[in-house]
Each structure stands twice: as structure tokens, then as C-alpha cells.
Amino acid sequence: MDETYLSDPFPELVKNALPTTLQTLADNPGGITGPQGPAGKDGYTPIKGVDYFDGAPGLRGDTGPQGLPGVDVDAPVYKALSSGTLAMDFAINTCVKITPSATQTFTTTVPVAGMGRTLIILTSGTASRTITFGAGFKPTATLATGATSARVFVIHWISDGINLYEAGRTAAIVA
């Protein structure tokens, strides 16, 4: 057996057969980069000839019906009115509390249809007050507060956009 052959991993026969390739490998230890392949087509999907990136926008569907109006986040949720105030302004206020000092007639502006409003009436003193409801209200009856002090009456209203209709009221509640 030839000792040279065992000690040299590339026998002379192989070296002579590929001298240019071995020299190139010796000069470029990182390897040789092959030729660049063909450039692909940008923006095309696997479906031949369909360009999803450069096409015109598609048709838009109907936006649907208009929804109900939202609650005005700037409107006070609760407002205590001073005694003697007659205008409740329920177009802005969602809940009003008042302590009437005499027999009075309340009026109001009307919120959009479907909105609910609440009126809280607190009695003070031993004289009975008769509360009537004028423009903007459609009550079931007037309210007589009675002669007992510190009683609360709560009246709920629903708007049709033209008037506030009484939806319910409590009897006198101890405050």
C-alpha cells in the first residue's frame, strides 16, 4: 500500500483533474456564489395574471339604517334646581331634583324621542303644594305633595320627541 495515498486526502490524480476549482476554493474559503436567479413579479398572487395590490378598489356596500341617537355625554345626568325654578329643561338634563316652595306649574324642553327622564320632588315644611305640569309634559294628573315634610316623589317620563309622557310615579317616600 502506498503511504502517500493514505496521508493525503486528495490524491494527486484528483488534484490534477480539477486544478482550477481547487485553486478557486483555496482563494475563497467562504465558498463561491452562484449566478443570480430570475427576478419574480411583485404584487402578483398565485393566480396567474391577477394583481391584488395595484387593482382598483371594490364596490362598497350599503351603510345600513341610521341608529338611535346616543346619550349626550356633556349633558348633566343629575341637576338640583333651586326652589322657585319652573323650567325643568329635560332636553339637557336627564334627572332633575327640586324642592318647591309654593304651588307651581313646571314646563320643559323635550329631548329626542325614546329618551327617558326623571323628576324628583322633595317636600319641605307642613304646607301642601300642588304641582301642575305645563308645556312639554303629558302627565296623568297634578301632584299634591301633602302636609308632611321630608317626603320624596319620583316621576318617570318618556319622550316622543314632542312631549314627555308620564310613565310612572311613586307615592310619598320618606326622605
C-alpha atoms as a PDB file:
ATOM      1  CA  MET A   1       0.000   0.000   0.000  1.00  0.00           C
ATOM      2  CA  ASP A   2       1.247   3.475  -0.823  1.00  0.00           C
ATOM      3  CA  GLU A   3       1.880   5.651   2.285  1.00  0.00           C
ATOM      4  CA  THR A   4       1.414   8.903   0.289  1.00  0.00           C
ATOM      5  CA  TYR A   5      -2.078   7.982  -0.646  1.00  0.00           C
ATOM      6  CA  LEU A   6      -3.114   7.435   2.992  1.00  0.00           C
ATOM      7  CA  SER A   7      -1.599  10.671   4.290  1.00  0.00           C
ATOM      8  CA  ASP A   8      -3.004  12.938   1.534  1.00  0.00           C
ATOM      9  CA  PRO A   9      -6.807  13.188   1.497  1.00  0.00           C
ATOM     10  CA  PHE A  10      -6.782  14.428  -2.118  1.00  0.00           C
ATOM     11  CA  PRO A  11      -4.549  12.192  -4.186  1.00  0.00           C
ATOM     12  CA  GLU A  12      -2.586  13.755  -6.970  1.00  0.00           C
ATOM     13  CA  LEU A  13      -4.931  12.245  -9.527  1.00  0.00           C
ATOM     14  CA  VAL A  14      -7.897  14.237  -8.187  1.00  0.00           C
ATOM     15  CA  LYS A  15      -5.842  17.426  -7.786  1.00  0.00           C
ATOM     16  CA  ASN A  16      -4.709  17.254 -11.385  1.00  0.00           C
ATOM     17  CA  ALA A  17      -8.220  16.629 -12.647  1.00  0.00           C
ATOM     18  CA  LEU A  18      -9.630  19.806 -11.020  1.00  0.00           C
ATOM     19  CA  PRO A  19      -6.759  22.240 -10.596  1.00  0.00           C
ATOM     20  CA  THR A  20      -8.749  25.435 -11.309  1.00  0.00           C
ATOM     21  CA  THR A  21     -11.587  24.546  -8.906  1.00  0.00           C
ATOM     22  CA  LEU A  22      -9.180  23.693  -6.055  1.00  0.00           C
ATOM     23  CA  GLN A  23      -7.257  26.919  -6.538  1.00  0.00           C
ATOM     24  CA  THR A  24     -10.529  28.928  -6.513  1.00  0.00           C
ATOM     25  CA  LEU A  25     -11.556  27.160  -3.287  1.00  0.00           C
ATOM     26  CA  ALA A  26      -8.218  27.984  -1.734  1.00  0.00           C
ATOM     27  CA  ASP A  27      -8.583  31.667  -2.709  1.00  0.00           C
ATOM     28  CA  ASN A  28     -12.240  31.868  -1.477  1.00  0.00           C
ATOM     29  CA  PRO A  29     -12.581  29.970   1.798  1.00  0.00           C
ATOM     30  CA  GLY A  30     -16.227  31.188   2.178  1.00  0.00           C
ATOM     31  CA  GLY A  31     -17.268  29.418  -0.993  1.00  0.00           C
ATOM     32  CA  ILE A  32     -18.371  30.517  -4.411  1.00  0.00           C
ATOM     33  CA  THR A  33     -21.638  32.398  -5.036  1.00  0.00           C
ATOM     34  CA  GLY A  34     -23.605  31.084  -7.958  1.00  0.00           C
ATOM     35  CA  PRO A  35     -25.354  33.160 -10.595  1.00  0.00           C
ATOM     36  CA  GLN A  36     -28.464  35.154  -9.540  1.00  0.00           C
ATOM     37  CA  GLY A  37     -31.796  33.607 -10.437  1.00  0.00           C
ATOM     38  CA  PRO A  38     -34.574  35.337 -12.396  1.00  0.00           C
ATOM     39  CA  ALA A  39     -36.446  38.176 -10.658  1.00  0.00           C
ATOM     40  CA  GLY A  40     -40.017  37.469  -9.541  1.00  0.00           C
ATOM     41  CA  LYS A  41     -43.069  39.631 -10.260  1.00  0.00           C
ATOM     42  CA  ASP A  42     -44.028  41.929  -7.361  1.00  0.00           C
ATOM     43  CA  GLY A  43     -47.664  42.201  -6.396  1.00  0.00           C
ATOM     44  CA  TYR A  44     -48.938  39.084  -8.083  1.00  0.00           C
ATOM     45  CA  THR A  45     -50.768  36.265  -6.351  1.00  0.00           C
ATOM     46  CA  PRO A  46     -50.515  32.635  -7.297  1.00  0.00           C
ATOM     47  CA  ILE A  47     -53.497  33.163  -9.600  1.00  0.00           C
ATOM     48  CA  LYS A  48     -51.938  33.916 -12.946  1.00  0.00           C
ATOM     49  CA  GLY A  49     -52.458  37.480 -14.150  1.00  0.00           C
ATOM     50  CA  VAL A  50     -54.426  38.680 -11.063  1.00  0.00           C
ATOM     51  CA  ASP A  51     -52.846  41.671  -9.355  1.00  0.00           C
ATOM     52  CA  TYR A  52     -54.384  42.274  -5.908  1.00  0.00           C
ATOM     53  CA  PHE A  53     -52.042  45.114  -4.949  1.00  0.00           C
ATOM     54  CA  ASP A  54     -52.437  47.507  -7.867  1.00  0.00           C
ATOM     55  CA  GLY A  55     -56.105  46.952  -8.725  1.00  0.00           C
ATOM     56  CA  ALA A  56     -58.971  49.414  -8.327  1.00  0.00           C
ATOM     57  CA  PRO A  57     -60.919  49.334  -5.026  1.00  0.00           C
ATOM     58  CA  GLY A  58     -64.005  47.141  -4.978  1.00  0.00           C
ATOM     59  CA  LEU A  59     -67.600  48.234  -4.531  1.00  0.00           C
ATOM     60  CA  ARG A  60     -68.753  49.312  -1.063  1.00  0.00           C
ATOM     61  CA  GLY A  61     -71.947  48.028   0.498  1.00  0.00           C
ATOM     62  CA  ASP A  62     -74.825  49.997   1.992  1.00  0.00           C
ATOM     63  CA  THR A  63     -74.070  51.666   5.332  1.00  0.00           C
ATOM     64  CA  GLY A  64     -77.351  50.481   6.824  1.00  0.00           C
ATOM     65  CA  PRO A  65     -80.125  52.343   8.617  1.00  0.00           C
ATOM     66  CA  GLN A  66     -79.456  55.218  10.982  1.00  0.00           C
ATOM     67  CA  GLY A  67     -79.226  54.073  14.599  1.00  0.00           C
ATOM     68  CA  LEU A  68     -80.905  55.626  17.616  1.00  0.00           C
ATOM     69  CA  PRO A  69     -79.348  58.838  18.892  1.00  0.00           C
ATOM     70  CA  GLY A  70     -76.804  58.374  21.629  1.00  0.00           C
ATOM     71  CA  VAL A  71     -76.781  59.991  25.031  1.00  0.00           C
ATOM     72  CA  ASP A  72     -75.171  63.411  25.107  1.00  0.00           C
ATOM     73  CA  VAL A  73     -72.097  62.808  27.265  1.00  0.00           C
ATOM     74  CA  ASP A  74     -71.825  66.528  28.048  1.00  0.00           C
ATOM     75  CA  ALA A  75     -75.354  66.721  29.495  1.00  0.00           C
ATOM     76  CA  PRO A  76     -75.663  66.624  33.266  1.00  0.00           C
ATOM     77  CA  VAL A  77     -77.044  63.335  34.476  1.00  0.00           C
ATOM     78  CA  TYR A  78     -78.490  64.940  37.599  1.00  0.00           C
ATOM     79  CA  LYS A  79     -79.265  68.558  38.396  1.00  0.00           C
ATOM     80  CA  ALA A  80     -80.679  70.023  41.587  1.00  0.00           C
ATOM     81  CA  LEU A  81     -82.730  73.121  40.764  1.00  0.00           C
ATOM     82  CA  SER A  82     -83.315  75.955  43.197  1.00  0.00           C
ATOM     83  CA  SER A  83     -86.747  76.395  44.714  1.00  0.00           C
ATOM     84  CA  GLY A  84     -88.966  78.512  42.504  1.00  0.00           C
ATOM     85  CA  THR A  85     -87.465  77.276  39.222  1.00  0.00           C
ATOM     86  CA  LEU A  86     -90.236  76.426  36.782  1.00  0.00           C
ATOM     87  CA  ALA A  87     -88.341  75.225  33.677  1.00  0.00           C
ATOM     88  CA  MET A  88     -87.008  71.663  34.036  1.00  0.00           C
ATOM     89  CA  ASP A  89     -85.050  71.708  30.717  1.00  0.00           C
ATOM     90  CA  PHE A  90     -85.204  67.949  30.178  1.00  0.00           C
ATOM     91  CA  ALA A  91     -83.721  68.343  26.691  1.00  0.00           C
ATOM     92  CA  ILE A  92     -80.416  68.818  28.557  1.00  0.00           C
ATOM     93  CA  ASN A  93     -80.969  67.279  31.995  1.00  0.00           C
ATOM     94  CA  THR A  94     -81.724  63.589  32.451  1.00  0.00           C
ATOM     95  CA  CYS A  95     -82.708  63.831  36.117  1.00  0.00           C
ATOM     96  CA  VAL A  96     -83.884  66.924  37.999  1.00  0.00           C
ATOM     97  CA  LYS A  97     -84.471  67.359  41.731  1.00  0.00           C
ATOM     98  CA  ILE A  98     -86.434  70.307  43.122  1.00  0.00           C
ATOM     99  CA  THR A  99     -87.975  71.388  46.416  1.00  0.00           C
ATOM    100  CA  PRO A 100     -90.985  73.573  45.546  1.00  0.00           C
ATOM    101  CA  SER A 101     -91.663  76.486  47.876  1.00  0.00           C
ATOM    102  CA  ALA A 102     -95.186  77.136  46.619  1.00  0.00           C
ATOM    103  CA  THR A 103     -97.834  75.758  44.272  1.00  0.00           C
ATOM    104  CA  GLN A 104     -96.124  75.730  40.849  1.00  0.00           C
ATOM    105  CA  THR A 105     -96.531  74.795  37.188  1.00  0.00           C
ATOM    106  CA  PHE A 106     -93.467  73.125  35.667  1.00  0.00           C
ATOM    107  CA  THR A 107     -92.557  73.355  31.971  1.00  0.00           C
ATOM    108  CA  THR A 108     -89.799  71.701  29.995  1.00  0.00           C
ATOM    109  CA  THR A 109     -87.944  71.430  26.731  1.00  0.00           C
ATOM    110  CA  VAL A 110     -88.330  67.968  25.227  1.00  0.00           C
ATOM    111  CA  PRO A 111     -85.491  65.531  24.437  1.00  0.00           C
ATOM    112  CA  VAL A 112     -85.388  63.354  21.310  1.00  0.00           C
ATOM    113  CA  ALA A 113     -87.874  60.517  21.019  1.00  0.00           C
ATOM    114  CA  GLY A 114     -87.184  57.439  23.112  1.00  0.00           C
ATOM    115  CA  MET A 115     -85.297  59.224  25.897  1.00  0.00           C
ATOM    116  CA  GLY A 116     -86.403  58.725  29.486  1.00  0.00           C
ATOM    117  CA  ARG A 117     -86.273  61.479  32.117  1.00  0.00           C
ATOM    118  CA  THR A 118     -86.808  61.557  35.893  1.00  0.00           C
ATOM    119  CA  LEU A 119     -88.202  64.309  38.127  1.00  0.00           C
ATOM    120  CA  ILE A 120     -87.573  64.111  41.886  1.00  0.00           C
ATOM    121  CA  ILE A 121     -89.716  66.378  44.070  1.00  0.00           C
ATOM    122  CA  LEU A 122     -88.779  66.832  47.740  1.00  0.00           C
ATOM    123  CA  THR A 123     -91.242  68.394  50.180  1.00  0.00           C
ATOM    124  CA  SER A 124     -90.202  70.867  52.835  1.00  0.00           C
ATOM    125  CA  GLY A 125     -92.478  72.290  55.555  1.00  0.00           C
ATOM    126  CA  THR A 126     -96.012  71.394  56.505  1.00  0.00           C
ATOM    127  CA  ALA A 127     -97.890  73.214  53.731  1.00  0.00           C
ATOM    128  CA  SER A 128     -99.166  71.084  50.856  1.00  0.00           C
ATOM    129  CA  ARG A 129     -98.007  72.122  47.388  1.00  0.00           C
ATOM    130  CA  THR A 130     -99.921  71.398  44.206  1.00  0.00           C
ATOM    131  CA  ILE A 131     -97.659  70.773  41.249  1.00  0.00           C
ATOM    132  CA  THR A 132     -99.141  71.015  37.770  1.00  0.00           C
ATOM    133  CA  PHE A 133     -97.370  70.231  34.529  1.00  0.00           C
ATOM    134  CA  GLY A 134     -97.478  72.680  31.613  1.00  0.00           C
ATOM    135  CA  ALA A 135     -95.835  72.846  28.184  1.00  0.00           C
ATOM    136  CA  GLY A 136     -93.795  69.784  27.229  1.00  0.00           C
ATOM    137  CA  PHE A 137     -95.462  67.463  29.763  1.00  0.00           C
ATOM    138  CA  LYS A 138     -98.346  64.976  29.383  1.00  0.00           C
ATOM    139  CA  PRO A 139     -98.994  63.883  33.000  1.00  0.00           C
ATOM    140  CA  THR A 140    -101.626  61.530  34.375  1.00  0.00           C
ATOM    141  CA  ALA A 141    -102.666  64.153  36.972  1.00  0.00           C
ATOM    142  CA  THR A 142    -101.432  67.025  39.126  1.00  0.00           C
ATOM    143  CA  LEU A 143     -99.320  66.192  42.176  1.00  0.00           C
ATOM    144  CA  ALA A 144    -100.395  67.194  45.689  1.00  0.00           C
ATOM    145  CA  THR A 145     -97.367  66.891  47.981  1.00  0.00           C
ATOM    146  CA  GLY A 146     -99.321  66.678  51.243  1.00  0.00           C
ATOM    147  CA  ALA A 147     -98.649  68.454  54.516  1.00  0.00           C
ATOM    148  CA  THR A 148     -95.857  66.151  55.763  1.00  0.00           C
ATOM    149  CA  SER A 149     -92.293  67.438  55.442  1.00  0.00           C
ATOM    150  CA  ALA A 150     -89.331  65.459  54.063  1.00  0.00           C
ATOM    151  CA  ARG A 151     -91.214  63.336  51.563  1.00  0.00           C
ATOM    152  CA  VAL A 152     -89.963  62.443  48.087  1.00  0.00           C
ATOM    153  CA  PHE A 153     -91.969  61.871  44.912  1.00  0.00           C
ATOM    154  CA  VAL A 154     -90.291  60.358  41.811  1.00  0.00           C
ATOM    155  CA  ILE A 155     -91.951  60.756  38.405  1.00  0.00           C
ATOM    156  CA  HIS A 156     -90.631  58.988  35.265  1.00  0.00           C
ATOM    157  CA  TRP A 157     -91.227  60.401  31.788  1.00  0.00           C
ATOM    158  CA  ILE A 158     -90.703  59.070  28.235  1.00  0.00           C
ATOM    159  CA  SER A 159     -90.257  61.358  25.228  1.00  0.00           C
ATOM    160  CA  ASP A 160     -91.875  61.016  21.824  1.00  0.00           C
ATOM    161  CA  GLY A 161     -89.851  63.999  20.586  1.00  0.00           C
ATOM    162  CA  ILE A 162     -92.813  66.369  21.052  1.00  0.00           C
ATOM    163  CA  ASN A 163     -93.877  65.769  24.667  1.00  0.00           C
ATOM    164  CA  LEU A 164     -92.752  63.938  27.783  1.00  0.00           C
ATOM    165  CA  TYR A 165     -95.373  61.351  28.762  1.00  0.00           C
ATOM    166  CA  GLU A 166     -95.672  60.265  32.369  1.00  0.00           C
ATOM    167  CA  ALA A 167     -94.578  56.626  32.603  1.00  0.00           C
ATOM    168  CA  GLY A 168     -94.977  56.237  36.349  1.00  0.00           C
ATOM    169  CA  ARG A 169     -94.808  57.951  39.734  1.00  0.00           C
ATOM    170  CA  THR A 170     -94.242  56.908  43.306  1.00  0.00           C
ATOM    171  CA  ALA A 171     -96.361  57.639  46.323  1.00  0.00           C
ATOM    172  CA  ALA A 172     -94.711  59.738  49.033  1.00  0.00           C
ATOM    173  CA  ILE A 173     -91.391  58.166  50.113  1.00  0.00           C
ATOM    174  CA  VAL A 174     -89.746  59.093  53.410  1.00  0.00           C
ATOM    175  CA  ALA A 175     -86.634  61.130  52.580  1.00  0.00           C
END
